[in-house]
Every structure is written in C-alpha cells, then in structure tokens.
Amino acid sequence: MTFGQVVAMDSPSGRVPGEFNWGATMWHEMSHVFILTATNHRVPRWFTEGLAVHEEGQANPEWANRLTPEVVSAIKAKKLLPVADMDKGFIFPEYPDQVLVSYYQAGTVCDYIVERWGNDAILGMVQSFAKLKTTPAAIQANLHETPEQFD
C-alpha cells in the first residue's frame, strides 16, 4: 500500500515463496508514489491504479496485465464500466470480483491511451488531474474526444 511517499508491504517471510511477485508489487507501489506526488494526491483511483498496472508491464513484460477467468466473465457479462465511472469499481464494487476486474480494466485503458495517443497523453492527463479536472474533462483535453467516444 502507498500513503503519499510511504510504501508499506509484507515482508517476504510473510508469504509462501513463489506466490507473490515482490518486484512487480514494489514497481506498482512506486508508481503510486510518483503519481500521487505529481498530482498532489488529486488523481482518480482508476487512473493511479491503471497507470501502476501499465507501468508494471513496461518494466517487465512478464509483469503485464493478465487476463483472468474473473475478468473474462465480467467482459462476457458486460460488467466493464464506462471510463467516467471507473472509480466506482474500486470504491463501490457491486460484485465480489469487481475490484480485481477494475485493476485489469484500468490497466488496459492506460495501455490503450499510450498505444493510441502516446505517453504525452498520459502525462497530459496527470497534469489535468493535478489541476483538479474530472475524468471526462481530462479525456476531452488530452485525447480530444468525449468519454462516450472513448468508450
């Protein structure tokens, strides 16, 4: 977990060897430190989690966002949220696996933004969130389309 510039993690002795990827976890949490600092803690949860998941895959392709059976089920059941509402999946989950699905969806959205618009678009969104812009306003300003068009 990340609290501003503080990262708290279990020690390796707290887990069965091989069941937890410490490198990916530390990379993920350090991404939060940077994004929270850059935005003065004014970033939507979906974006900071999505960017951290995206950054994991950039650091090491083996750490990239993974499609799980829970995510496949959510996609088939059309349970993915519109980008403007993605925070709800983290903050007010409506089904047991929604937080897990939200991590996947947010990471995939950040991957897509970088692939289609480039890293400058992600950086622009960071700057928009630092200025207290909403997700719809950040998307419009940096991707030049409405959230509905983005979806």
C-alpha atoms as a PDB file:
ATOM      1  CA  MET A   1       0.000   0.000   0.000  1.00  0.00           C
ATOM      2  CA  THR A   2       1.122   3.517  -0.668  1.00  0.00           C
ATOM      3  CA  PHE A   3       0.455   6.515   1.539  1.00  0.00           C
ATOM      4  CA  GLY A   4       1.975   9.512  -0.196  1.00  0.00           C
ATOM      5  CA  GLN A   5       5.698   8.849  -0.151  1.00  0.00           C
ATOM      6  CA  VAL A   6       5.447   5.844   2.176  1.00  0.00           C
ATOM      7  CA  VAL A   7       5.156   2.297   0.833  1.00  0.00           C
ATOM      8  CA  ALA A   8       4.063  -0.460   3.242  1.00  0.00           C
ATOM      9  CA  MET A   9       4.466  -4.102   2.220  1.00  0.00           C
ATOM     10  CA  ASP A  10       4.504  -7.526   3.847  1.00  0.00           C
ATOM     11  CA  SER A  11       7.952  -8.952   4.286  1.00  0.00           C
ATOM     12  CA  PRO A  12       8.887 -11.872   2.024  1.00  0.00           C
ATOM     13  CA  SER A  13       8.692 -14.151   5.072  1.00  0.00           C
ATOM     14  CA  GLY A  14       5.000 -13.247   5.342  1.00  0.00           C
ATOM     15  CA  ARG A  15       4.171 -15.165   2.143  1.00  0.00           C
ATOM     16  CA  VAL A  16       4.769 -18.623   0.780  1.00  0.00           C
ATOM     17  CA  PRO A  17       7.823 -18.476  -1.547  1.00  0.00           C
ATOM     18  CA  GLY A  18       6.774 -18.075  -5.168  1.00  0.00           C
ATOM     19  CA  GLU A  19       3.171 -16.962  -4.558  1.00  0.00           C
ATOM     20  CA  PHE A  20       3.884 -13.255  -4.677  1.00  0.00           C
ATOM     21  CA  ASN A  21       5.893 -11.098  -7.072  1.00  0.00           C
ATOM     22  CA  TRP A  22       7.781  -8.626  -4.900  1.00  0.00           C
ATOM     23  CA  GLY A  23       9.403  -6.825  -7.835  1.00  0.00           C
ATOM     24  CA  ALA A  24       6.116  -6.153  -9.615  1.00  0.00           C
ATOM     25  CA  THR A  25       4.487  -5.072  -6.370  1.00  0.00           C
ATOM     26  CA  MET A  26       7.247  -2.614  -5.481  1.00  0.00           C
ATOM     27  CA  TRP A  27       7.199  -1.194  -9.037  1.00  0.00           C
ATOM     28  CA  HIS A  28       3.402  -0.798  -8.813  1.00  0.00           C
ATOM     29  CA  GLU A  29       3.570   0.929  -5.440  1.00  0.00           C
ATOM     30  CA  MET A  30       6.409   3.238  -6.502  1.00  0.00           C
ATOM     31  CA  SER A  31       4.281   4.291  -9.470  1.00  0.00           C
ATOM     32  CA  HIS A  32       1.688   5.432  -6.911  1.00  0.00           C
ATOM     33  CA  VAL A  33       4.332   7.468  -5.057  1.00  0.00           C
ATOM     34  CA  PHE A  34       5.234   9.293  -8.263  1.00  0.00           C
ATOM     35  CA  ILE A  35       1.669   9.881  -9.475  1.00  0.00           C
ATOM     36  CA  LEU A  36       0.387  10.965  -6.054  1.00  0.00           C
ATOM     37  CA  THR A  37       3.291  13.396  -5.720  1.00  0.00           C
ATOM     38  CA  ALA A  38       2.862  14.745  -9.269  1.00  0.00           C
ATOM     39  CA  THR A  39      -0.850  15.394  -8.723  1.00  0.00           C
ATOM     40  CA  ASN A  40      -0.676  16.477  -5.072  1.00  0.00           C
ATOM     41  CA  HIS A  41      -2.919  13.462  -4.325  1.00  0.00           C
ATOM     42  CA  ARG A  42      -5.585  14.735  -6.750  1.00  0.00           C
ATOM     43  CA  VAL A  43      -5.822  11.729  -9.034  1.00  0.00           C
ATOM     44  CA  PRO A  44      -8.793   9.404  -9.511  1.00  0.00           C
ATOM     45  CA  ARG A  45      -8.280   5.937  -8.116  1.00  0.00           C
ATOM     46  CA  TRP A  46      -8.888   4.294 -11.503  1.00  0.00           C
ATOM     47  CA  PHE A  47      -6.102   6.328 -13.092  1.00  0.00           C
ATOM     48  CA  THR A  48      -3.461   5.771 -10.429  1.00  0.00           C
ATOM     49  CA  GLU A  49      -4.183   2.027 -10.358  1.00  0.00           C
ATOM     50  CA  GLY A  50      -4.356   1.787 -14.134  1.00  0.00           C
ATOM     51  CA  LEU A  51      -1.113   3.672 -14.580  1.00  0.00           C
ATOM     52  CA  ALA A  52       0.597   1.471 -11.966  1.00  0.00           C
ATOM     53  CA  VAL A  53      -0.591  -1.684 -13.765  1.00  0.00           C
ATOM     54  CA  HIS A  54       0.559  -0.216 -17.084  1.00  0.00           C
ATOM     55  CA  GLU A  55       3.961   0.657 -15.618  1.00  0.00           C
ATOM     56  CA  GLU A  56       4.421  -2.884 -14.302  1.00  0.00           C
ATOM     57  CA  GLY A  57       4.149  -4.196 -17.858  1.00  0.00           C
ATOM     58  CA  GLN A  58       6.529  -1.528 -19.125  1.00  0.00           C
ATOM     59  CA  ALA A  59       9.124  -2.520 -16.536  1.00  0.00           C
ATOM     60  CA  ASN A  60       8.895  -6.215 -17.319  1.00  0.00           C
ATOM     61  CA  PRO A  61       6.610  -7.852 -19.897  1.00  0.00           C
ATOM     62  CA  GLU A  62       6.197 -10.826 -17.548  1.00  0.00           C
ATOM     63  CA  TRP A  63       4.509  -8.478 -15.092  1.00  0.00           C
ATOM     64  CA  ALA A  64       1.995  -7.183 -17.661  1.00  0.00           C
ATOM     65  CA  ASN A  65      -1.730  -7.015 -17.025  1.00  0.00           C
ATOM     66  CA  ARG A  66      -3.111 -10.569 -17.036  1.00  0.00           C
ATOM     67  CA  LEU A  67      -6.464 -11.717 -18.282  1.00  0.00           C
ATOM     68  CA  THR A  68      -8.025 -13.958 -15.618  1.00  0.00           C
ATOM     69  CA  PRO A  69     -11.204 -16.063 -15.647  1.00  0.00           C
ATOM     70  CA  GLU A  70     -12.877 -13.424 -13.448  1.00  0.00           C
ATOM     71  CA  VAL A  71     -12.093 -10.718 -15.980  1.00  0.00           C
ATOM     72  CA  VAL A  72     -13.291 -12.847 -18.892  1.00  0.00           C
ATOM     73  CA  SER A  73     -16.565 -13.487 -17.035  1.00  0.00           C
ATOM     74  CA  ALA A  74     -17.022  -9.765 -16.399  1.00  0.00           C
ATOM     75  CA  ILE A  75     -16.361  -8.941 -20.050  1.00  0.00           C
ATOM     76  CA  LYS A  76     -18.840 -11.587 -21.215  1.00  0.00           C
ATOM     77  CA  ALA A  77     -21.444 -10.292 -18.749  1.00  0.00           C
ATOM     78  CA  LYS A  78     -20.813  -6.705 -19.960  1.00  0.00           C
ATOM     79  CA  LYS A  79     -19.809  -5.584 -16.471  1.00  0.00           C
ATOM     80  CA  LEU A  80     -16.995  -3.257 -17.504  1.00  0.00           C
ATOM     81  CA  LEU A  81     -17.669   0.330 -16.509  1.00  0.00           C
ATOM     82  CA  PRO A  82     -17.652   3.440 -18.692  1.00  0.00           C
ATOM     83  CA  VAL A  83     -14.373   5.329 -18.253  1.00  0.00           C
ATOM     84  CA  ALA A  84     -16.147   8.217 -16.487  1.00  0.00           C
ATOM     85  CA  ASP A  85     -17.443   5.782 -13.851  1.00  0.00           C
ATOM     86  CA  MET A  86     -14.406   3.543 -13.373  1.00  0.00           C
ATOM     87  CA  ASP A  87     -13.681   4.795  -9.851  1.00  0.00           C
ATOM     88  CA  LYS A  88     -16.905   3.106  -8.728  1.00  0.00           C
ATOM     89  CA  GLY A  89     -15.406  -0.309  -9.437  1.00  0.00           C
ATOM     90  CA  PHE A  90     -12.684   0.369  -6.845  1.00  0.00           C
ATOM     91  CA  ILE A  91     -14.665   2.369  -4.311  1.00  0.00           C
ATOM     92  CA  PHE A  92     -18.185   0.885  -4.506  1.00  0.00           C
ATOM     93  CA  PRO A  93     -17.836  -2.600  -6.029  1.00  0.00           C
ATOM     94  CA  GLU A  94     -21.157  -4.206  -6.903  1.00  0.00           C
ATOM     95  CA  TYR A  95     -19.960  -7.813  -7.220  1.00  0.00           C
ATOM     96  CA  PRO A  96     -17.226  -9.850  -5.495  1.00  0.00           C
ATOM     97  CA  ASP A  97     -14.551  -9.673  -8.220  1.00  0.00           C
ATOM     98  CA  GLN A  98     -15.175  -6.095  -9.327  1.00  0.00           C
ATOM     99  CA  VAL A  99     -12.046  -4.633  -7.726  1.00  0.00           C
ATOM    100  CA  LEU A 100      -9.886  -7.253  -9.479  1.00  0.00           C
ATOM    101  CA  VAL A 101     -11.718  -6.571 -12.750  1.00  0.00           C
ATOM    102  CA  SER A 102     -11.268  -2.829 -12.238  1.00  0.00           C
ATOM    103  CA  TYR A 103      -7.491  -3.201 -11.927  1.00  0.00           C
ATOM    104  CA  TYR A 104      -7.465  -5.059 -15.240  1.00  0.00           C
ATOM    105  CA  GLN A 105      -9.778  -2.570 -16.934  1.00  0.00           C
ATOM    106  CA  ALA A 106      -7.876   0.488 -15.679  1.00  0.00           C
ATOM    107  CA  GLY A 107      -4.535  -1.001 -16.739  1.00  0.00           C
ATOM    108  CA  THR A 108      -5.919  -1.847 -20.161  1.00  0.00           C
ATOM    109  CA  VAL A 109      -7.319   1.677 -20.558  1.00  0.00           C
ATOM    110  CA  CYS A 110      -3.900   3.176 -19.776  1.00  0.00           C
ATOM    111  CA  ASP A 111      -2.245   0.726 -22.190  1.00  0.00           C
ATOM    112  CA  TYR A 112      -4.721   1.802 -24.871  1.00  0.00           C
ATOM    113  CA  ILE A 113      -4.147   5.513 -24.258  1.00  0.00           C
ATOM    114  CA  VAL A 114      -0.379   5.072 -24.639  1.00  0.00           C
ATOM    115  CA  GLU A 115      -0.768   2.901 -27.747  1.00  0.00           C
ATOM    116  CA  ARG A 116      -3.207   5.256 -29.480  1.00  0.00           C
ATOM    117  CA  TRP A 117      -2.173   8.726 -28.255  1.00  0.00           C
ATOM    118  CA  GLY A 118       1.306   8.185 -26.782  1.00  0.00           C
ATOM    119  CA  ASN A 119       2.967   8.836 -23.453  1.00  0.00           C
ATOM    120  CA  ASP A 120       2.394  12.588 -23.782  1.00  0.00           C
ATOM    121  CA  ALA A 121      -1.355  11.971 -23.488  1.00  0.00           C
ATOM    122  CA  ILE A 122      -0.848  10.110 -20.190  1.00  0.00           C
ATOM    123  CA  LEU A 123       1.391  12.914 -18.943  1.00  0.00           C
ATOM    124  CA  GLY A 124      -1.240  15.443 -20.004  1.00  0.00           C
ATOM    125  CA  MET A 125      -3.865  13.546 -18.022  1.00  0.00           C
ATOM    126  CA  VAL A 126      -1.584  13.613 -14.974  1.00  0.00           C
ATOM    127  CA  GLN A 127      -1.323  17.385 -15.369  1.00  0.00           C
ATOM    128  CA  SER A 128      -5.092  17.684 -15.837  1.00  0.00           C
ATOM    129  CA  PHE A 129      -5.765  15.722 -12.645  1.00  0.00           C
ATOM    130  CA  ALA A 130      -3.241  17.901 -10.773  1.00  0.00           C
ATOM    131  CA  LYS A 131      -5.412  20.863 -11.832  1.00  0.00           C
ATOM    132  CA  LEU A 132      -8.493  19.104 -10.382  1.00  0.00           C
ATOM    133  CA  LYS A 133     -10.029  18.253 -13.733  1.00  0.00           C
ATOM    134  CA  THR A 134     -12.532  15.418 -13.757  1.00  0.00           C
ATOM    135  CA  THR A 135     -12.010  12.247 -15.764  1.00  0.00           C
ATOM    136  CA  PRO A 136     -14.340  13.472 -18.563  1.00  0.00           C
ATOM    137  CA  ALA A 137     -12.522  16.827 -18.709  1.00  0.00           C
ATOM    138  CA  ALA A 138      -9.073  15.155 -18.708  1.00  0.00           C
ATOM    139  CA  ILE A 139     -10.120  12.827 -21.522  1.00  0.00           C
ATOM    140  CA  GLN A 140     -11.543  15.677 -23.584  1.00  0.00           C
ATOM    141  CA  ALA A 141      -8.481  17.888 -23.035  1.00  0.00           C
ATOM    142  CA  ASN A 142      -5.858  15.230 -23.748  1.00  0.00           C
ATOM    143  CA  LEU A 143      -7.475  12.683 -26.041  1.00  0.00           C
ATOM    144  CA  HIS A 144      -9.720  15.181 -27.851  1.00  0.00           C
ATOM    145  CA  GLU A 145     -12.846  13.080 -27.604  1.00  0.00           C
ATOM    146  CA  THR A 146     -15.698  12.671 -25.199  1.00  0.00           C
ATOM    147  CA  PRO A 147     -15.728   9.844 -22.664  1.00  0.00           C
ATOM    148  CA  GLU A 148     -18.577   8.293 -24.657  1.00  0.00           C
ATOM    149  CA  GLN A 149     -16.473   8.342 -27.826  1.00  0.00           C
ATOM    150  CA  PHE A 150     -13.570   6.880 -25.864  1.00  0.00           C
ATOM    151  CA  ASP A 151     -15.746   4.036 -24.557  1.00  0.00           C
END
